[in-house]
């Protein structure tokens, strides 16, 4: 009998001498024999969301769709879209005019020239023409007094130009298509896209400010839905700008 009792005691002695692992409890048989030995309470495990699952949940946020006609007294969502579409169209035009692998005469049109009478696009002060694939000529005969200012504007532009002046004629050698030239154009594309995103944000901020002014007599839920819709439109155009930049960068860098 003593031996059998000792046999039952061995697991208990081991249990007492060695700290029990988490969630371990005494077997029912030992609980009846040794009621003074208390097992550890059951443990509960809490599973936290991982960063990946949080990001997935965030990306699956419900989209808002408002009937524009129902809120036209508060804000014109169509005008918001049109303003942002204009920004995107301007970006595409800038890419086309200014970021060709081969510099064209049109690439110089919008270089800003600062004169004593104000700031003007180069094409308003001089006649720009492509004399050869390697040379652009700017004829400043109409505004000879602006020749020095136009030359300085060409030198300080982001296009890395080295104009040569002869009287009222400015000759602009076209840069060779080197890897460095391609990388400079890609940086310029990034600048254009950042400027476009800033314009989209300004349109969004202006729209949200208009919505906030119309809060009187409009439910909070309606205001929140309109704000979400405006943000959704802005996000969509920002994504389009990123796509345009990615396409242009790939084209420039090859």
Protein backbone atom coordinates (compact mmCIF):
# COMPACT_ATOMS: atom_id res chain seq x y z
CA UNK A 1 0.00 0.00 0.00
CA UNK A 2 2.87 2.35 0.91
CA UNK A 3 4.54 1.60 -2.39
CA UNK A 4 1.39 2.35 -4.34
CA UNK A 5 0.96 5.61 -2.42
CA UNK A 6 4.60 6.48 -3.15
CA UNK A 7 4.02 5.72 -6.82
CA UNK A 8 1.20 8.23 -6.85
CA UNK A 9 3.32 10.75 -4.98
CA UNK A 10 6.21 10.75 -7.48
CA UNK A 11 4.40 12.80 -10.12
CA UNK A 12 3.36 15.28 -7.43
CA UNK A 13 6.91 15.62 -6.12
CA UNK A 14 8.11 16.21 -9.65
CA UNK A 15 5.28 18.70 -10.16
CA UNK A 16 6.24 20.64 -6.99
CA UNK A 17 10.03 20.59 -7.57
CA UNK A 18 9.78 21.56 -11.22
CA UNK A 19 7.68 24.66 -12.02
CA UNK A 20 4.71 23.52 -14.10
CA UNK A 21 4.51 24.74 -17.64
CA UNK A 22 1.89 27.30 -18.48
CA UNK A 23 -1.66 25.93 -18.56
CA UNK A 24 -0.67 22.61 -16.82
CA UNK A 25 -3.19 21.16 -14.33
CA UNK A 26 -3.05 18.14 -11.97
CA UNK A 27 -4.66 14.98 -13.30
CA UNK A 28 -8.12 14.35 -11.76
CA UNK A 29 -6.83 11.28 -9.87
CA UNK A 30 -4.11 13.29 -8.10
CA UNK A 31 -6.52 16.15 -7.37
CA UNK A 32 -8.65 13.70 -5.33
CA UNK A 33 -5.67 12.24 -3.48
CA UNK A 34 -3.87 15.56 -2.84
CA UNK A 35 -6.51 18.31 -2.78
CA UNK A 36 -4.05 20.78 -1.15
CA UNK A 37 -1.95 20.90 -4.34
CA UNK A 38 -3.45 23.51 -6.63
CA UNK A 39 -2.81 23.48 -10.36
CA UNK A 40 -2.31 26.61 -12.42
CA UNK A 41 -5.43 28.20 -13.86
CA UNK A 42 -6.16 27.79 -17.55
CA UNK A 43 -4.45 30.36 -19.75
CA UNK A 44 -5.94 32.34 -22.58
CA UNK A 45 -4.00 33.31 -25.66
CA UNK A 46 -4.78 36.58 -27.44
CA UNK A 47 -3.94 36.75 -31.11
CA UNK A 48 -2.95 40.22 -32.33
CA UNK A 49 -3.41 41.36 -35.91
CA UNK A 50 -0.21 41.39 -37.92
CA UNK A 51 0.97 44.41 -39.90
CA UNK A 52 0.15 42.56 -43.10
CA UNK A 53 -3.44 41.87 -42.06
CA UNK A 54 -3.88 45.48 -40.89
CA UNK A 55 -2.60 46.80 -44.22
CA UNK A 56 -4.94 44.47 -46.08
CA UNK A 57 -7.91 45.63 -44.02
CA UNK A 58 -6.95 49.25 -44.60
CA UNK A 59 -6.71 48.72 -48.34
CA UNK A 60 -10.19 47.19 -48.38
CA UNK A 61 -11.91 50.26 -46.92
CA UNK A 62 -15.37 50.69 -48.37
CA UNK A 63 -15.57 53.17 -51.22
CA UNK A 64 -18.06 56.01 -51.20
CA UNK A 65 -20.35 56.73 -54.13
CA UNK A 66 -22.58 59.80 -53.94
CA UNK A 67 -25.13 60.94 -56.48
CA UNK A 68 -23.61 64.28 -57.54
CA UNK A 69 -27.05 65.73 -58.29
CA UNK A 70 -28.15 65.25 -54.67
CA UNK A 71 -25.32 67.38 -53.25
CA UNK A 72 -24.93 69.98 -56.01
CA UNK A 73 -26.32 72.66 -53.66
CA UNK A 74 -23.34 72.01 -51.38
CA UNK A 75 -20.59 71.33 -53.91
CA UNK A 76 -20.20 70.39 -57.55
CA UNK A 77 -18.31 67.10 -57.60
CA UNK A 78 -18.15 67.31 -61.39
CA UNK A 79 -16.22 70.58 -61.14
CA UNK A 80 -13.82 68.98 -58.67
CA UNK A 81 -13.20 66.15 -61.15
CA UNK A 82 -12.78 68.60 -64.04
CA UNK A 83 -10.23 70.68 -62.11
CA UNK A 84 -8.21 67.58 -61.24
CA UNK A 85 -8.50 66.28 -64.80
CA UNK A 86 -7.03 69.60 -66.00
CA UNK A 87 -4.05 69.06 -63.68
CA UNK A 88 -3.47 65.60 -65.15
CA UNK A 89 -3.78 66.92 -68.72
CA UNK A 90 -1.24 69.66 -67.96
CA UNK A 91 1.18 67.06 -66.62
CA UNK A 92 0.86 64.97 -69.78
CA UNK A 93 1.49 68.10 -71.87
CA UNK A 94 4.58 68.98 -69.81
CA UNK A 95 5.92 65.46 -70.27
CA UNK A 96 5.34 65.63 -74.01
CA UNK A 97 6.80 69.12 -74.52
CA UNK A 98 9.74 69.10 -72.14
CA UNK A 99 10.85 65.53 -71.59
CA UNK A 100 11.60 64.08 -74.99
CA UNK A 101 14.82 62.10 -75.33
CA UNK A 102 15.67 64.44 -78.18
CA UNK A 103 15.33 68.13 -77.27
CA UNK A 104 12.87 69.92 -79.59
CA UNK A 105 12.18 73.59 -80.24
CA UNK A 106 8.95 73.30 -78.26
CA UNK A 107 10.92 72.29 -75.18
CA UNK A 108 12.12 75.90 -74.83
CA UNK A 109 8.70 77.54 -75.18
CA UNK A 110 7.88 77.78 -71.50
CA UNK A 111 11.29 78.71 -70.12
CA UNK A 112 10.57 81.78 -68.00
CA UNK A 113 12.55 84.93 -68.80
CA UNK A 114 12.76 87.61 -66.11
CA UNK A 115 12.98 91.15 -67.48
CA UNK A 116 12.58 94.61 -65.94
CA UNK A 117 8.98 94.57 -67.20
CA UNK A 118 8.13 91.24 -65.60
CA UNK A 119 8.33 87.52 -66.34
CA UNK A 120 7.51 86.10 -69.77
CA UNK A 121 7.68 82.71 -71.53
CA UNK A 122 10.61 82.62 -73.95
CA UNK A 123 8.33 81.99 -76.95
CA UNK A 124 6.62 85.37 -76.33
CA UNK A 125 9.92 87.24 -76.61
CA UNK A 126 11.74 85.35 -79.34
CA UNK A 127 11.11 83.17 -82.37
CA UNK A 128 12.28 79.62 -81.66
CA UNK A 129 13.20 77.26 -84.49
CA UNK A 130 15.03 73.96 -84.96
CA UNK A 131 17.86 74.49 -87.45
CA UNK A 132 19.16 70.93 -87.20
CA UNK A 133 18.85 67.93 -84.86
CA UNK A 134 21.84 69.37 -82.97
CA UNK A 135 20.92 73.08 -82.93
CA UNK A 136 18.00 75.29 -81.81
CA UNK A 137 18.00 79.00 -82.69
CA UNK A 138 16.18 81.75 -80.77
CA UNK A 139 15.73 84.97 -82.75
CA UNK A 140 15.34 87.92 -80.34
CA UNK A 141 14.96 90.62 -83.02
CA UNK A 142 11.49 91.61 -81.77
CA UNK A 143 12.78 92.23 -78.22
CA UNK A 144 16.55 92.75 -78.49
CA UNK A 145 16.70 94.31 -75.03
CA UNK A 146 15.67 90.93 -73.56
CA UNK A 147 18.46 88.95 -75.25
CA UNK A 148 20.73 88.89 -72.18
CA UNK A 149 17.85 87.89 -69.89
CA UNK A 150 16.79 85.11 -72.29
CA UNK A 151 20.35 83.78 -72.46
CA UNK A 152 20.56 83.73 -68.67
CA UNK A 153 17.21 81.91 -68.41
CA UNK A 154 18.44 79.23 -70.82
CA UNK A 155 21.66 78.78 -68.85
CA UNK A 156 19.81 78.48 -65.53
CA UNK A 157 17.14 76.08 -66.80
CA UNK A 158 17.09 72.46 -65.65
CA UNK A 159 17.86 71.32 -69.22
CA UNK A 160 21.64 71.86 -68.89
CA UNK A 161 21.87 74.17 -71.91
CA UNK A 162 24.89 76.20 -73.04
CA UNK A 163 23.56 78.98 -75.32
CA UNK A 164 25.84 81.01 -77.57
CA UNK A 165 24.93 84.64 -78.39
CA UNK A 166 25.61 86.51 -81.62
CA UNK A 167 23.83 89.87 -81.69
CA UNK A 168 20.14 89.13 -81.22
CA UNK A 169 20.51 85.48 -82.23
CA UNK A 170 20.86 82.84 -79.51
CA UNK A 171 22.16 79.46 -80.66
CA UNK A 172 21.39 76.55 -78.36
CA UNK A 173 23.32 73.31 -78.99
CA UNK A 174 21.15 70.27 -78.25
CA UNK A 175 22.68 68.11 -75.49
CA UNK A 176 23.82 64.63 -76.48
CA UNK A 177 21.64 61.78 -75.31
CA UNK A 178 23.87 60.44 -72.54
CA UNK A 179 22.93 58.40 -69.50
CA UNK A 180 23.37 61.52 -67.38
CA UNK A 181 21.02 63.45 -69.67
CA UNK A 182 18.39 60.71 -69.36
CA UNK A 183 18.70 60.74 -65.56
CA UNK A 184 18.32 64.53 -65.49
CA UNK A 185 15.14 64.24 -67.54
CA UNK A 186 13.82 61.58 -65.13
CA UNK A 187 14.46 63.94 -62.20
CA UNK A 188 12.62 66.68 -64.07
CA UNK A 189 9.70 64.29 -64.61
CA UNK A 190 9.58 63.70 -60.86
CA UNK A 191 9.46 67.47 -60.28
CA UNK A 192 6.59 67.85 -62.73
CA UNK A 193 4.64 65.03 -61.05
CA UNK A 194 5.19 66.49 -57.56
CA UNK A 195 3.93 69.84 -58.82
CA UNK A 196 0.85 68.12 -60.25
CA UNK A 197 0.15 66.38 -56.94
CA UNK A 198 0.39 69.72 -55.14
CA UNK A 199 -2.18 71.13 -57.56
CA UNK A 200 -4.51 68.18 -56.89
CA UNK A 201 -4.14 68.76 -53.15
CA UNK A 202 -5.03 72.43 -53.61
CA UNK A 203 -8.19 71.50 -55.51
CA UNK A 204 -9.09 69.02 -52.76
CA UNK A 205 -8.44 71.55 -49.97
CA UNK A 206 -10.53 74.17 -51.75
CA UNK A 207 -13.40 71.70 -52.16
CA UNK A 208 -13.27 70.60 -48.51
CA UNK A 209 -13.24 74.22 -47.35
CA UNK A 210 -16.36 74.86 -49.42
CA UNK A 211 -18.07 71.83 -47.88
CA UNK A 212 -17.27 72.98 -44.34
CA UNK A 213 -18.83 76.38 -45.04
CA UNK A 214 -22.07 74.61 -45.99
CA UNK A 215 -22.43 72.65 -42.73
CA UNK A 216 -25.42 74.66 -41.56
CA UNK A 217 -28.60 72.77 -42.36
CA UNK A 218 -26.71 69.70 -43.59
CA UNK A 219 -26.37 66.50 -41.56
CA UNK A 220 -22.96 65.48 -40.25
CA UNK A 221 -23.26 62.14 -42.04
CA UNK A 222 -23.80 63.88 -45.37
CA UNK A 223 -20.81 66.16 -44.79
CA UNK A 224 -18.58 63.19 -43.94
CA UNK A 225 -19.71 61.31 -47.05
CA UNK A 226 -18.97 64.29 -49.28
CA UNK A 227 -15.53 64.75 -47.71
CA UNK A 228 -14.76 61.06 -48.26
CA UNK A 229 -15.92 61.32 -51.87
CA UNK A 230 -13.66 64.33 -52.51
CA UNK A 231 -10.70 62.53 -50.92
CA UNK A 232 -11.47 59.46 -53.00
CA UNK A 233 -11.43 61.53 -56.21
CA UNK A 234 -8.11 63.13 -55.19
CA UNK A 235 -6.58 59.73 -54.42
CA UNK A 236 -7.66 58.45 -57.83
CA UNK A 237 -5.96 61.33 -59.67
CA UNK A 238 -2.84 61.04 -57.50
CA UNK A 239 -2.64 57.38 -58.54
CA UNK A 240 -3.00 58.41 -62.21
CA UNK A 241 -0.13 60.88 -61.76
CA UNK A 242 2.04 58.09 -60.32
CA UNK A 243 1.22 55.90 -63.33
CA UNK A 244 2.16 58.68 -65.75
CA UNK A 245 5.45 59.21 -63.90
CA UNK A 246 6.27 55.49 -63.90
CA UNK A 247 5.60 55.23 -67.64
CA UNK A 248 7.65 58.33 -68.46
CA UNK A 249 10.55 57.29 -66.22
CA UNK A 250 10.69 53.88 -67.91
CA UNK A 251 10.67 55.59 -71.31
CA UNK A 252 13.49 57.97 -70.34
CA UNK A 253 15.77 55.50 -68.60
CA UNK A 254 15.09 52.61 -70.95
